[in-house]
C-alpha atoms as a PDB file:
ATOM      1  CA  MET A   1     118.901   0.337  74.598  1.00  0.00           C
ATOM      2  CA  THR A   2     122.550   0.400  73.081  1.00  0.00           C
ATOM      3  CA  ARG A   3     125.174   2.725  73.348  1.00  0.00           C
ATOM      4  CA  ILE A   4     128.585   1.969  71.121  1.00  0.00           C
ATOM      5  CA  PHE A   5     131.803   3.325  72.090  1.00  0.00           C
ATOM      6  CA  ASN A   6     134.147   3.347  69.260  1.00  0.00           C
ATOM      7  CA  THR A   7     137.934   3.173  71.137  1.00  0.00           C
ATOM      8  CA  ARG A   8     139.959   2.609  68.138  1.00  0.00           C
ATOM      9  CA  ARG A   9     143.361   4.362  69.136  1.00  0.00           C
ATOM     10  CA  ARG A  10     146.779   4.407  67.389  1.00  0.00           C
ATOM     11  CA  PHE A  11     149.684   2.517  69.149  1.00  0.00           C
ATOM     12  CA  VAL A  12     151.614   4.601  71.341  1.00  0.00           C
ATOM     13  CA  ARG A  13     154.837   3.583  73.361  1.00  0.00           C
ATOM     14  CA  LEU A  14     154.202   2.796  76.913  1.00  0.00           C
ATOM     15  CA  GLY A  15     155.241   6.204  79.040  1.00  0.00           C
ATOM     16  CA  THR A  16     154.306   8.484  76.415  1.00  0.00           C
ATOM     17  CA  ALA A  17     150.307   9.787  75.932  1.00  0.00           C
ATOM     18  CA  GLY A  18     147.645   7.438  76.075  1.00  0.00           C
ATOM     19  CA  LEU A  19     146.789   4.621  78.437  1.00  0.00           C
ATOM     20  CA  LEU A  20     148.308   1.297  77.505  1.00  0.00           C
ATOM     21  CA  GLY A  21     149.480   1.379  73.628  1.00  0.00           C
ATOM     22  CA  LEU A  22     146.494  -0.610  72.395  1.00  0.00           C
ATOM     23  CA  SER A  23     145.204  -1.970  69.032  1.00  0.00           C
ATOM     24  CA  THR A  24     141.527  -1.628  67.832  1.00  0.00           C
ATOM     25  CA  ALA A  25     139.258  -1.717  70.743  1.00  0.00           C
ATOM     26  CA  LEU A  26     135.669  -2.596  70.333  1.00  0.00           C
ATOM     27  CA  VAL A  27     133.266  -1.428  73.161  1.00  0.00           C
ATOM     28  CA  ILE A  28     129.411  -2.605  72.951  1.00  0.00           C
ATOM     29  CA  SER A  29     127.285  -1.308  75.747  1.00  0.00           C
ATOM     30  CA  SER A  30     123.766  -2.522  76.539  1.00  0.00           C
ATOM     31  CA  CYS A  31     121.323  -1.732  78.930  1.00  0.00           C
ATOM     32  CA  ASN A  32     118.969  -4.720  78.473  1.00  0.00           C
ATOM     33  CA  PRO A  33     120.908  -7.956  79.072  1.00  0.00           C
ATOM     34  CA  THR A  34     119.488 -11.415  78.729  1.00  0.00           C
ATOM     35  CA  THR A  35     117.992 -12.827  82.038  1.00  0.00           C
ATOM     36  CA  ALA A  36     118.307 -16.456  82.646  1.00  0.00           C
ATOM     37  CA  ARG A  37     116.373 -18.939  84.532  1.00  0.00           C
ATOM     38  CA  VAL A  38     118.939 -19.911  87.027  1.00  0.00           C
ATOM     39  CA  GLU A  39     117.017 -20.792  90.518  1.00  0.00           C
ATOM     40  CA  LYS A  40     119.650 -21.324  92.746  1.00  0.00           C
ATOM     41  CA  SER A  41     121.160 -17.877  92.408  1.00  0.00           C
ATOM     42  CA  ASN A  42     118.166 -16.207  93.773  1.00  0.00           C
ATOM     43  CA  THR A  43     118.832 -14.565  97.106  1.00  0.00           C
ATOM     44  CA  THR A  44     116.230 -12.560  99.541  1.00  0.00           C
ATOM     45  CA  THR A  45     117.813  -8.975  99.932  1.00  0.00           C
ATOM     46  CA  ASN A  46     117.902  -7.086 103.190  1.00  0.00           C
ATOM     47  CA  VAL A  47     116.972  -3.678 101.811  1.00  0.00           C
ATOM     48  CA  SER A  48     117.830  -2.055 104.506  1.00  0.00           C
ATOM     49  CA  ALA A  49     121.594  -2.944 104.427  1.00  0.00           C
ATOM     50  CA  THR A  50     122.165  -1.070 101.433  1.00  0.00           C
ATOM     51  CA  SER A  51     120.858   2.366 102.435  1.00  0.00           C
ATOM     52  CA  SER A  52     124.348   4.110 101.864  1.00  0.00           C
ATOM     53  CA  ILE A  53     125.131   2.783  98.404  1.00  0.00           C
ATOM     54  CA  LYS A  54     125.910   5.934  96.375  1.00  0.00           C
ATOM     55  CA  THR A  55     125.053   4.846  92.828  1.00  0.00           C
ATOM     56  CA  LYS A  56     121.686   4.319  91.027  1.00  0.00           C
ATOM     57  CA  VAL A  57     123.831   2.286  88.180  1.00  0.00           C
ATOM     58  CA  LEU A  58     126.054  -0.407  88.076  1.00  0.00           C
ATOM     59  CA  ARG A  59     128.247  -0.316  85.313  1.00  0.00           C
ATOM     60  CA  MET A  60     130.021  -3.707  84.759  1.00  0.00           C
ATOM     61  CA  GLY A  61     132.426  -4.627  81.700  1.00  0.00           C
ATOM     62  CA  TYR A  62     132.997  -8.001  80.481  1.00  0.00           C
ATOM     63  CA  GLN A  63     135.429  -9.200  77.569  1.00  0.00           C
ATOM     64  CA  GLN A  64     134.309 -10.711  74.375  1.00  0.00           C
ATOM     65  CA  ALA A  65     134.828 -14.277  75.411  1.00  0.00           C
ATOM     66  CA  GLY A  66     131.692 -13.664  77.272  1.00  0.00           C
ATOM     67  CA  ASP A  67     130.482 -13.502  80.747  1.00  0.00           C
ATOM     68  CA  LEU A  68     128.316 -15.831  83.005  1.00  0.00           C
ATOM     69  CA  VAL A  69     127.144 -13.140  85.225  1.00  0.00           C
ATOM     70  CA  ARG A  70     125.864 -11.393  82.586  1.00  0.00           C
ATOM     71  CA  VAL A  71     123.999 -13.940  80.408  1.00  0.00           C
ATOM     72  CA  THR A  72     122.213 -15.417  83.939  1.00  0.00           C
ATOM     73  CA  GLY A  73     121.231 -11.875  84.917  1.00  0.00           C
ATOM     74  CA  VAL A  74     121.653 -12.851  88.631  1.00  0.00           C
ATOM     75  CA  LEU A  75     122.971  -9.100  89.381  1.00  0.00           C
ATOM     76  CA  GLU A  76     119.753  -7.347  87.584  1.00  0.00           C
ATOM     77  CA  LYS A  77     117.723  -9.721  89.628  1.00  0.00           C
ATOM     78  CA  ARG A  78     119.350  -8.786  93.093  1.00  0.00           C
ATOM     79  CA  LEU A  79     119.616  -5.284  92.297  1.00  0.00           C
ATOM     80  CA  GLU A  80     116.309  -4.183  90.842  1.00  0.00           C
ATOM     81  CA  PRO A  81     114.730  -4.496  94.105  1.00  0.00           C
ATOM     82  CA  LEU A  82     116.959  -1.457  95.355  1.00  0.00           C
ATOM     83  CA  GLY A  83     116.718   0.197  92.484  1.00  0.00           C
ATOM     84  CA  ILE A  84     119.947  -0.190  90.709  1.00  0.00           C
ATOM     85  CA  LYS A  85     120.102  -0.627  87.446  1.00  0.00           C
ATOM     86  CA  VAL A  86     122.729  -3.150  85.725  1.00  0.00           C
ATOM     87  CA  GLU A  87     124.491  -1.622  82.073  1.00  0.00           C
ATOM     88  CA  TRP A  88     127.429  -3.951  80.723  1.00  0.00           C
ATOM     89  CA  ALA A  89     130.029  -2.861  78.310  1.00  0.00           C
ATOM     90  CA  GLN A  90     131.762  -5.244  76.225  1.00  0.00           C
ATOM     91  CA  PHE A  91     135.339  -5.098  75.318  1.00  0.00           C
ATOM     92  CA  ALA A  92     137.920  -7.263  72.922  1.00  0.00           C
ATOM     93  CA  GLN A  93     140.123  -8.110  75.655  1.00  0.00           C
ATOM     94  CA  GLY A  94     141.505  -7.000  79.536  1.00  0.00           C
ATOM     95  CA  PRO A  95     143.210  -3.645  77.813  1.00  0.00           C
ATOM     96  CA  GLN A  96     140.489  -2.331  76.417  1.00  0.00           C
ATOM     97  CA  LEU A  97     138.136  -2.944  79.502  1.00  0.00           C
ATOM     98  CA  MET A  98     141.063  -1.211  81.727  1.00  0.00           C
ATOM     99  CA  GLU A  99     141.304   1.629  79.511  1.00  0.00           C
ATOM    100  CA  ALA A 100     137.452   2.089  79.625  1.00  0.00           C
ATOM    101  CA  MET A 101     137.472   2.372  83.437  1.00  0.00           C
ATOM    102  CA  ASN A 102     140.589   4.952  83.264  1.00  0.00           C
ATOM    103  CA  VAL A 103     138.280   7.252  81.487  1.00  0.00           C
ATOM    104  CA  GLY A 104     135.405   6.848  83.689  1.00  0.00           C
ATOM    105  CA  LYS A 105     133.190   4.342  81.449  1.00  0.00           C
ATOM    106  CA  ILE A 106     132.835   1.675  84.150  1.00  0.00           C
ATOM    107  CA  ASP A 107     132.764   0.709  87.134  1.00  0.00           C
ATOM    108  CA  LEU A 108     133.978  -2.934  87.740  1.00  0.00           C
ATOM    109  CA  GLY A 109     135.296  -5.666  85.439  1.00  0.00           C
ATOM    110  CA  SER A 110     136.939  -9.196  85.332  1.00  0.00           C
ATOM    111  CA  VAL A 111     140.599  -9.475  83.409  1.00  0.00           C
ATOM    112  CA  GLY A 112     143.770 -11.264  83.848  1.00  0.00           C
ATOM    113  CA  GLU A 113     146.924 -10.649  85.766  1.00  0.00           C
ATOM    114  CA  THR A 114     148.543  -8.153  83.323  1.00  0.00           C
ATOM    115  CA  PRO A 115     145.699  -5.650  82.307  1.00  0.00           C
ATOM    116  CA  PRO A 116     145.816  -3.613  85.722  1.00  0.00           C
ATOM    117  CA  ILE A 117     149.433  -3.402  86.264  1.00  0.00           C
ATOM    118  CA  PHE A 118     150.114  -1.628  82.703  1.00  0.00           C
ATOM    119  CA  ALA A 119     146.892   0.472  83.482  1.00  0.00           C
ATOM    120  CA  GLN A 120     148.392   1.575  87.179  1.00  0.00           C
ATOM    121  CA  ALA A 121     151.214   2.086  85.409  1.00  0.00           C
ATOM    122  CA  ALA A 122     149.778   4.220  82.911  1.00  0.00           C
ATOM    123  CA  GLY A 123     148.177   6.032  85.965  1.00  0.00           C
ATOM    124  CA  ALA A 124     144.552   4.746  86.297  1.00  0.00           C
ATOM    125  CA  ASP A 125     143.315   4.750  89.746  1.00  0.00           C
ATOM    126  CA  ILE A 126     141.804   1.218  90.452  1.00  0.00           C
ATOM    127  CA  VAL A 127     141.542  -1.267  93.235  1.00  0.00           C
ATOM    128  CA  TYR A 128     141.395  -4.863  93.140  1.00  0.00           C
ATOM    129  CA  VAL A 129     138.103  -5.907  94.464  1.00  0.00           C
ATOM    130  CA  VAL A 130     138.796 -10.248  94.293  1.00  0.00           C
ATOM    131  CA  GLY A 131     140.890 -12.505  92.916  1.00  0.00           C
ATOM    132  CA  SER A 132     139.978 -15.806  90.974  1.00  0.00           C
ATOM    133  CA  ARG A 133     140.672 -19.615  92.389  1.00  0.00           C
ATOM    134  CA  ARG A 134     143.601 -21.587  91.013  1.00  0.00           C
ATOM    135  CA  THR A 135     142.280 -24.995  89.824  1.00  0.00           C
ATOM    136  CA  GLU A 136     144.059 -27.898  87.961  1.00  0.00           C
ATOM    137  CA  LYS A 137     142.182 -26.612  84.970  1.00  0.00           C
ATOM    138  CA  SER A 138     143.964 -23.001  85.119  1.00  0.00           C
ATOM    139  CA  GLY A 139     145.870 -22.406  82.215  1.00  0.00           C
ATOM    140  CA  ARG A 140     144.469 -24.988  80.007  1.00  0.00           C
ATOM    141  CA  ALA A 141     142.349 -22.511  78.216  1.00  0.00           C
ATOM    142  CA  SER A 142     145.447 -20.076  76.745  1.00  0.00           C
ATOM    143  CA  ALA A 143     147.879 -21.564  74.246  1.00  0.00           C
ATOM    144  CA  ILE A 144     150.821 -20.563  72.153  1.00  0.00           C
ATOM    145  CA  ALA A 145     149.403 -21.973  68.880  1.00  0.00           C
ATOM    146  CA  VAL A 146     150.613 -22.498  65.596  1.00  0.00           C
ATOM    147  CA  PRO A 147     148.615 -23.492  61.953  1.00  0.00           C
ATOM    148  CA  PRO A 148     148.548 -27.436  61.635  1.00  0.00           C
ATOM    149  CA  ASN A 149     151.249 -27.389  58.927  1.00  0.00           C
ATOM    150  CA  SER A 150     153.880 -25.178  60.465  1.00  0.00           C
ATOM    151  CA  LEU A 151     157.284 -25.725  60.923  1.00  0.00           C
ATOM    152  CA  ILE A 152     157.649 -24.417  64.222  1.00  0.00           C
ATOM    153  CA  LYS A 153     157.638 -27.446  66.483  1.00  0.00           C
ATOM    154  CA  THR A 154     158.893 -25.892  70.109  1.00  0.00           C
ATOM    155  CA  VAL A 155     158.770 -22.549  72.078  1.00  0.00           C
ATOM    156  CA  LYS A 156     162.088 -22.231  70.900  1.00  0.00           C
ATOM    157  CA  ASP A 157     161.533 -22.326  67.085  1.00  0.00           C
ATOM    158  CA  ILE A 158     159.545 -19.017  67.377  1.00  0.00           C
ATOM    159  CA  LYS A 159     162.773 -17.050  67.297  1.00  0.00           C
ATOM    160  CA  ARG A 160     162.510 -13.838  64.943  1.00  0.00           C
ATOM    161  CA  GLN A 161     159.125 -15.331  63.726  1.00  0.00           C
ATOM    162  CA  LYS A 162     156.046 -12.932  63.799  1.00  0.00           C
ATOM    163  CA  VAL A 163     153.983 -13.556  67.121  1.00  0.00           C
ATOM    164  CA  VAL A 164     150.466 -12.108  67.512  1.00  0.00           C
ATOM    165  CA  PHE A 165     148.494 -11.414  70.794  1.00  0.00           C
ATOM    166  CA  GLN A 166     147.177  -8.644  72.627  1.00  0.00           C
ATOM    167  CA  LYS A 167     149.534  -6.530  74.538  1.00  0.00           C
ATOM    168  CA  ALA A 168     149.003  -5.939  77.962  1.00  0.00           C
ATOM    169  CA  SER A 169     146.938  -9.112  78.230  1.00  0.00           C
ATOM    170  CA  ALA A 170     147.652 -12.099  80.076  1.00  0.00           C
ATOM    171  CA  SER A 171     148.724 -13.464  77.034  1.00  0.00           C
ATOM    172  CA  HIS A 172     151.897 -10.928  77.244  1.00  0.00           C
ATOM    173  CA  TYR A 173     152.794 -12.572  80.642  1.00  0.00           C
ATOM    174  CA  PHE A 174     152.520 -16.213  79.213  1.00  0.00           C
ATOM    175  CA  ILE A 175     154.510 -15.520  76.222  1.00  0.00           C
ATOM    176  CA  ILE A 176     157.440 -13.707  78.017  1.00  0.00           C
ATOM    177  CA  ARG A 177     157.730 -16.194  80.751  1.00  0.00           C
ATOM    178  CA  GLU A 178     158.014 -18.978  78.021  1.00  0.00           C
ATOM    179  CA  LEU A 179     160.577 -17.125  76.049  1.00  0.00           C
ATOM    180  CA  GLU A 180     162.674 -16.688  79.456  1.00  0.00           C
ATOM    181  CA  ASN A 181     162.038 -20.833  79.827  1.00  0.00           C
ATOM    182  CA  VAL A 182     163.638 -21.656  76.547  1.00  0.00           C
ATOM    183  CA  GLY A 183     166.761 -19.066  76.954  1.00  0.00           C
ATOM    184  CA  LEU A 184     165.004 -15.886  74.901  1.00  0.00           C
ATOM    185  CA  LYS A 185     164.017 -12.807  75.007  1.00  0.00           C
ATOM    186  CA  PRO A 186     160.810 -10.484  74.199  1.00  0.00           C
ATOM    187  CA  GLU A 187     163.312  -8.629  71.614  1.00  0.00           C
ATOM    188  CA  ASP A 188     163.560 -12.019  70.086  1.00  0.00           C
ATOM    189  CA  ILE A 189     160.147 -11.989  68.511  1.00  0.00           C
ATOM    190  CA  GLN A 190     158.492  -9.968  66.379  1.00  0.00           C
ATOM    191  CA  VAL A 191     155.218  -8.589  68.028  1.00  0.00           C
ATOM    192  CA  LEU A 192     152.286  -7.863  66.570  1.00  0.00           C
ATOM    193  CA  SER A 193     149.403  -6.805  68.964  1.00  0.00           C
ATOM    194  CA  ILE A 194     145.989  -7.836  67.680  1.00  0.00           C
ATOM    195  CA  PRO A 195     143.010  -8.605  69.945  1.00  0.00           C
ATOM    196  CA  ASN A 196     141.910 -12.241  70.055  1.00  0.00           C
ATOM    197  CA  VAL A 197     138.465 -11.512  68.317  1.00  0.00           C
ATOM    198  CA  GLU A 198     140.307  -9.713  65.034  1.00  0.00           C
ATOM    199  CA  ALA A 199     143.055 -12.207  65.036  1.00  0.00           C
ATOM    200  CA  SER A 200     141.184 -15.018  65.017  1.00  0.00           C
ATOM    201  CA  SER A 201     139.905 -15.279  61.544  1.00  0.00           C
ATOM    202  CA  ALA A 202     143.473 -14.366  60.367  1.00  0.00           C
ATOM    203  CA  PHE A 203     145.148 -17.032  61.863  1.00  0.00           C
ATOM    204  CA  LEU A 204     142.397 -19.654  60.349  1.00  0.00           C
ATOM    205  CA  GLU A 205     142.803 -18.523  57.491  1.00  0.00           C
ATOM    206  CA  GLY A 206     146.646 -19.060  57.431  1.00  0.00           C
ATOM    207  CA  LYS A 207     148.189 -15.335  57.790  1.00  0.00           C
ATOM    208  CA  ILE A 208     149.673 -15.742  61.579  1.00  0.00           C
ATOM    209  CA  PRO A 209     152.833 -17.635  62.037  1.00  0.00           C
ATOM    210  CA  VAL A 210     152.067 -17.916  65.956  1.00  0.00           C
ATOM    211  CA  TRP A 211     149.327 -16.946  67.873  1.00  0.00           C
ATOM    212  CA  VAL A 212     148.960 -16.528  71.816  1.00  0.00           C
ATOM    213  CA  SER A 213     145.673 -16.887  72.270  1.00  0.00           C
ATOM    214  CA  GLY A 214     142.909 -18.336  74.610  1.00  0.00           C
ATOM    215  CA  ASP A 215     138.925 -19.576  74.588  1.00  0.00           C
ATOM    216  CA  PRO A 216     136.556 -19.526  73.177  1.00  0.00           C
ATOM    217  CA  HIS A 217     138.790 -18.540  69.974  1.00  0.00           C
ATOM    218  CA  LEU A 218     141.081 -21.447  70.884  1.00  0.00           C
ATOM    219  CA  ALA A 219     138.843 -24.239  71.192  1.00  0.00           C
ATOM    220  CA  ARG A 220     137.015 -22.648  68.143  1.00  0.00           C
ATOM    221  CA  ALA A 221     140.121 -23.097  65.696  1.00  0.00           C
ATOM    222  CA  GLU A 222     140.929 -26.502  67.911  1.00  0.00           C
ATOM    223  CA  LYS A 223     137.326 -27.964  66.884  1.00  0.00           C
ATOM    224  CA  LEU A 224     138.100 -26.966  63.142  1.00  0.00           C
ATOM    225  CA  GLY A 225     141.228 -28.837  62.844  1.00  0.00           C
ATOM    226  CA  LYS A 226     143.273 -25.190  62.262  1.00  0.00           C
ATOM    227  CA  VAL A 227     145.805 -25.037  65.002  1.00  0.00           C
ATOM    228  CA  ARG A 228     148.434 -27.179  66.733  1.00  0.00           C
ATOM    229  CA  ILE A 229     149.027 -26.102  70.328  1.00  0.00           C
ATOM    230  CA  ILE A 230     152.847 -26.057  71.207  1.00  0.00           C
ATOM    231  CA  LYS A 231     152.457 -25.033  74.875  1.00  0.00           C
ATOM    232  CA  THR A 232     149.968 -24.095  77.234  1.00  0.00           C
ATOM    233  CA  ALA A 233     149.725 -21.784  80.381  1.00  0.00           C
ATOM    234  CA  GLN A 234     149.000 -24.522  82.486  1.00  0.00           C
ATOM    235  CA  GLY A 235     151.600 -24.226  85.288  1.00  0.00           C
ATOM    236  CA  LEU A 236     152.142 -20.765  84.735  1.00  0.00           C
ATOM    237  CA  ASP A 237     153.078 -18.677  87.493  1.00  0.00           C
ATOM    238  CA  THR A 238     150.293 -16.475  87.657  1.00  0.00           C
ATOM    239  CA  PRO A 239     148.125 -15.087  90.846  1.00  0.00           C
ATOM    240  CA  GLY A 240     145.057 -15.584  88.079  1.00  0.00           C
ATOM    241  CA  SER A 241     142.437 -13.159  87.051  1.00  0.00           C
ATOM    242  CA  TYR A 242     140.817 -10.383  88.931  1.00  0.00           C
ATOM    243  CA  TYR A 243     137.912  -8.244  89.371  1.00  0.00           C
ATOM    244  CA  ILE A 244     139.101  -4.619  89.242  1.00  0.00           C
ATOM    245  CA  GLY A 245     136.596  -1.460  90.287  1.00  0.00           C
ATOM    246  CA  GLY A 246     137.465   2.047  89.924  1.00  0.00           C
ATOM    247  CA  ARG A 247     138.996   3.182  93.202  1.00  0.00           C
ATOM    248  CA  GLN A 248     136.307   5.827  94.194  1.00  0.00           C
ATOM    249  CA  PHE A 249     133.436   3.332  93.075  1.00  0.00           C
ATOM    250  CA  ALA A 250     134.895   1.149  95.539  1.00  0.00           C
ATOM    251  CA  VAL A 251     135.306   3.158  98.291  1.00  0.00           C
ATOM    252  CA  ASP A 252     131.968   4.749  97.772  1.00  0.00           C
ATOM    253  CA  ASN A 253     129.872   1.368  97.526  1.00  0.00           C
ATOM    254  CA  PRO A 254     131.035  -1.168  99.650  1.00  0.00           C
ATOM    255  CA  GLU A 255     127.442  -2.627 100.254  1.00  0.00           C
ATOM    256  CA  LEU A 256     127.101  -2.999  96.530  1.00  0.00           C
ATOM    257  CA  LEU A 257     130.482  -4.444  96.166  1.00  0.00           C
ATOM    258  CA  ARG A 258     129.604  -7.210  98.630  1.00  0.00           C
ATOM    259  CA  ILE A 259     126.320  -8.089  96.949  1.00  0.00           C
ATOM    260  CA  VAL A 260     128.042  -8.421  93.311  1.00  0.00           C
ATOM    261  CA  ILE A 261     130.802 -10.601  94.932  1.00  0.00           C
ATOM    262  CA  GLU A 262     128.127 -12.759  96.333  1.00  0.00           C
ATOM    263  CA  GLU A 263     126.404 -13.266  93.264  1.00  0.00           C
ATOM    264  CA  ILE A 264     129.343 -13.828  90.893  1.00  0.00           C
ATOM    265  CA  ASP A 265     130.423 -16.247  93.747  1.00  0.00           C
ATOM    266  CA  LYS A 266     127.077 -18.152  93.769  1.00  0.00           C
ATOM    267  CA  ILE A 267     126.707 -18.258  89.995  1.00  0.00           C
ATOM    268  CA  GLN A 268     130.033 -19.582  89.386  1.00  0.00           C
ATOM    269  CA  ARG A 269     129.427 -22.346  92.102  1.00  0.00           C
ATOM    270  CA  TRP A 270     126.350 -23.364  90.154  1.00  0.00           C
ATOM    271  CA  ALA A 271     128.090 -23.331  87.139  1.00  0.00           C
ATOM    272  CA  GLU A 272     130.873 -25.494  88.312  1.00  0.00           C
ATOM    273  CA  ALA A 273     128.407 -27.922  89.573  1.00  0.00           C
ATOM    274  CA  ASN A 274     126.143 -27.728  86.401  1.00  0.00           C
ATOM    275  CA  PRO A 275     128.010 -27.614  83.097  1.00  0.00           C
ATOM    276  CA  LYS A 276     125.651 -28.736  80.871  1.00  0.00           C
ATOM    277  CA  GLU A 277     122.903 -26.320  82.001  1.00  0.00           C
ATOM    278  CA  THR A 278     125.542 -23.430  81.947  1.00  0.00           C
ATOM    279  CA  ALA A 279     126.377 -24.804  78.199  1.00  0.00           C
ATOM    280  CA  LYS A 280     123.122 -24.180  77.085  1.00  0.00           C
ATOM    281  CA  LEU A 281     122.788 -20.343  78.952  1.00  0.00           C
ATOM    282  CA  ILE A 282     125.970 -19.440  77.399  1.00  0.00           C
ATOM    283  CA  MET A 283     125.892 -21.034  73.722  1.00  0.00           C
ATOM    284  CA  PRO A 284     123.150 -18.575  72.178  1.00  0.00           C
ATOM    285  CA  HIS A 285     125.228 -15.930  73.757  1.00  0.00           C
ATOM    286  CA  GLN A 286     128.804 -16.717  72.120  1.00  0.00           C
ATOM    287  CA  LYS A 287     127.277 -18.643  68.863  1.00  0.00           C
ATOM    288  CA  LEU A 288     129.395 -21.599  69.538  1.00  0.00           C
ATOM    289  CA  ASP A 289     128.769 -24.653  68.280  1.00  0.00           C
ATOM    290  CA  PRO A 290     127.946 -27.516  71.198  1.00  0.00           C
ATOM    291  CA  GLU A 291     131.181 -29.418  70.699  1.00  0.00           C
ATOM    292  CA  VAL A 292     133.502 -25.860  71.080  1.00  0.00           C
ATOM    293  CA  MET A 293     131.194 -24.846  73.993  1.00  0.00           C
ATOM    294  CA  ASP A 294     131.777 -28.454  75.602  1.00  0.00           C
ATOM    295  CA  LEU A 295     135.775 -27.606  75.270  1.00  0.00           C
ATOM    296  CA  VAL A 296     135.513 -24.246  76.472  1.00  0.00           C
ATOM    297  CA  LEU A 297     133.856 -25.246  80.030  1.00  0.00           C
ATOM    298  CA  SER A 298     136.289 -28.346  80.436  1.00  0.00           C
ATOM    299  CA  ARG A 299     139.077 -26.224  81.077  1.00  0.00           C
ATOM    300  CA  ARG A 300     137.426 -23.191  82.435  1.00  0.00           C
ATOM    301  CA  SER A 301     137.895 -22.608  86.460  1.00  0.00           C
ATOM    302  CA  TYR A 302     135.410 -20.888  88.691  1.00  0.00           C
ATOM    303  CA  GLY A 303     135.505 -19.821  92.260  1.00  0.00           C
ATOM    304  CA  LEU A 304     136.997 -16.566  93.571  1.00  0.00           C
ATOM    305  CA  ARG A 305     139.458 -15.885  96.696  1.00  0.00           C
ATOM    306  CA  ALA A 306     139.730 -13.267  98.775  1.00  0.00           C
ATOM    307  CA  ILE A 307     142.436 -10.260  98.360  1.00  0.00           C
ATOM    308  CA  SER A 308     145.227 -11.206 100.770  1.00  0.00           C
ATOM    309  CA  PRO A 309     148.884  -9.965 101.260  1.00  0.00           C
ATOM    310  CA  GLU A 310     149.718 -13.379  99.789  1.00  0.00           C
ATOM    311  CA  LEU A 311     147.987 -12.659  96.666  1.00  0.00           C
ATOM    312  CA  ILE A 312     149.033  -9.122  96.294  1.00  0.00           C
ATOM    313  CA  LYS A 313     152.883 -10.264  96.782  1.00  0.00           C
ATOM    314  CA  ASP A 314     152.620 -12.458  93.756  1.00  0.00           C
ATOM    315  CA  GLN A 315     151.285  -9.920  91.669  1.00  0.00           C
ATOM    316  CA  GLN A 316     154.018  -7.436  92.683  1.00  0.00           C
ATOM    317  CA  ARG A 317     156.091 -10.503  91.263  1.00  0.00           C
ATOM    318  CA  VAL A 318     154.328 -10.374  87.884  1.00  0.00           C
ATOM    319  CA  ALA A 319     154.657  -6.500  87.702  1.00  0.00           C
ATOM    320  CA  ASP A 320     158.241  -6.372  88.595  1.00  0.00           C
ATOM    321  CA  TYR A 321     158.661  -8.800  85.701  1.00  0.00           C
ATOM    322  CA  PHE A 322     157.517  -6.649  83.312  1.00  0.00           C
ATOM    323  CA  TYR A 323     159.404  -4.098  84.339  1.00  0.00           C
ATOM    324  CA  LYS A 324     162.939  -5.975  84.605  1.00  0.00           C
ATOM    325  CA  ASN A 325     162.266  -6.703  81.004  1.00  0.00           C
ATOM    326  CA  GLY A 326     161.819  -3.154  79.871  1.00  0.00           C
ATOM    327  CA  LEU A 327     158.226  -3.366  79.299  1.00  0.00           C
ATOM    328  CA  LEU A 328     157.012  -0.947  81.799  1.00  0.00           C
ATOM    329  CA  PRO A 329     158.062   2.307  81.975  1.00  0.00           C
ATOM    330  CA  LYS A 330     158.598   2.415  85.694  1.00  0.00           C
ATOM    331  CA  PRO A 331     158.058   0.340  88.663  1.00  0.00           C
ATOM    332  CA  VAL A 332     154.337  -0.409  89.446  1.00  0.00           C
ATOM    333  CA  ASN A 333     153.573  -0.520  93.328  1.00  0.00           C
ATOM    334  CA  ILE A 334     150.771  -2.924  93.408  1.00  0.00           C
ATOM    335  CA  GLN A 335     150.205  -1.769  97.009  1.00  0.00           C
ATOM    336  CA  ALA A 336     148.984   1.280  96.030  1.00  0.00           C
ATOM    337  CA  ALA A 337     145.961  -0.191  94.248  1.00  0.00           C
ATOM    338  CA  VAL A 338     144.730  -1.944  97.530  1.00  0.00           C
ATOM    339  CA  LEU A 339     142.118  -0.964  99.612  1.00  0.00           C
ATOM    340  CA  THR A 340     142.407  -1.221 103.537  1.00  0.00           C
ATOM    341  CA  PRO A 341     141.988  -4.742 105.482  1.00  0.00           C
ATOM    342  CA  GLU A 342     138.853  -3.068 106.753  1.00  0.00           C
ATOM    343  CA  GLN A 343     137.583  -1.976 103.409  1.00  0.00           C
ATOM    344  CA  TYR A 344     137.983  -5.661 102.384  1.00  0.00           C
ATOM    345  CA  ALA A 345     136.239  -7.151 105.209  1.00  0.00           C
ATOM    346  CA  ALA A 346     133.049  -5.238 104.259  1.00  0.00           C
ATOM    347  CA  ILE A 347     133.219  -6.096 100.750  1.00  0.00           C
ATOM    348  CA  THR A 348     134.190  -9.761 100.845  1.00  0.00           C
ATOM    349  CA  PRO A 349     131.495 -12.574 101.984  1.00  0.00           C
ATOM    350  CA  SER A 350     132.687 -15.072 104.288  1.00  0.00           C
ATOM    351  CA  THR A 351     131.870 -17.722 101.793  1.00  0.00           C
ATOM    352  CA  ILE A 352     135.012 -16.631  99.582  1.00  0.00           C
ATOM    353  CA  SER A 353     137.772 -18.932  99.799  1.00  0.00           C
ATOM    354  CA  GLN A 354     140.823 -17.017 101.642  1.00  0.00           C
ATOM    355  CA  LYS A 355     143.588 -19.150  99.603  1.00  0.00           C
END
């Protein structure tokens, strides 16, 4: 069973009607995800421990770049015996995913540090569920890129250039931080907000002078010899990505969230230890050549970390940075999108890193 939501919206300025001022968004929801044979992710479920779960359907959002949890079917395996169905909705990027959560289309999804900030600024009632672990690979999969024959050599050279990225995505924070590092401001570039899935083809055709993008689109362009990277996001002062949930869903279903986090953590640990097997699982879904898939996985970070006061402090720093640069209509209080310590204790397995 497949449902298609068309969320194409005109641009709006932050602080006016609408959630984020997004460009084209394509959402594809499927109720029949592919189940893979990953024996190490199986877990015996204590059915009695889930008696207070208040939903029969878990609506998961994932991005165009793909989702290992969906591909392997680990949530379906764990939740089916409990009578809980998993539905998946696909989004071009994080801002579109957050918009769908704001209007009640999904319950949980993974995004970078920036989308939940803009969503919260627009009134979305969301909570930070669990964070991602930062590793030495973090940031290598995102880059400011130009065509191979471009005269642009450094970030400073992009002044007055058209720069393509998705507004309110992780690329947004990346580019304005790099502009500041070379003495430029956001207004020194011409921003064209286009999701990666749409910008990729235009860039490969030489129609985009500067592109802020990430894998798998970036890796595909690299393997085709169509891109020259002038700066990666490695070393960027970001707290990383998160699983974000609707507040009411999170408050009502702590046992379910704990199960979901357990399964996500286990399949990520398995993937980190088994890159070749992971590539075989993901390639058919992302339709990537083996060489591209190997490059994607070589710079992908795995692992979760608990939501902590230190992590929220780092996220607040990012929100304050956007406001300081005039990119938010009002200050955003990250603490307002945080659960209580008791609630986090209920949803966070002991195996999850606290750092």
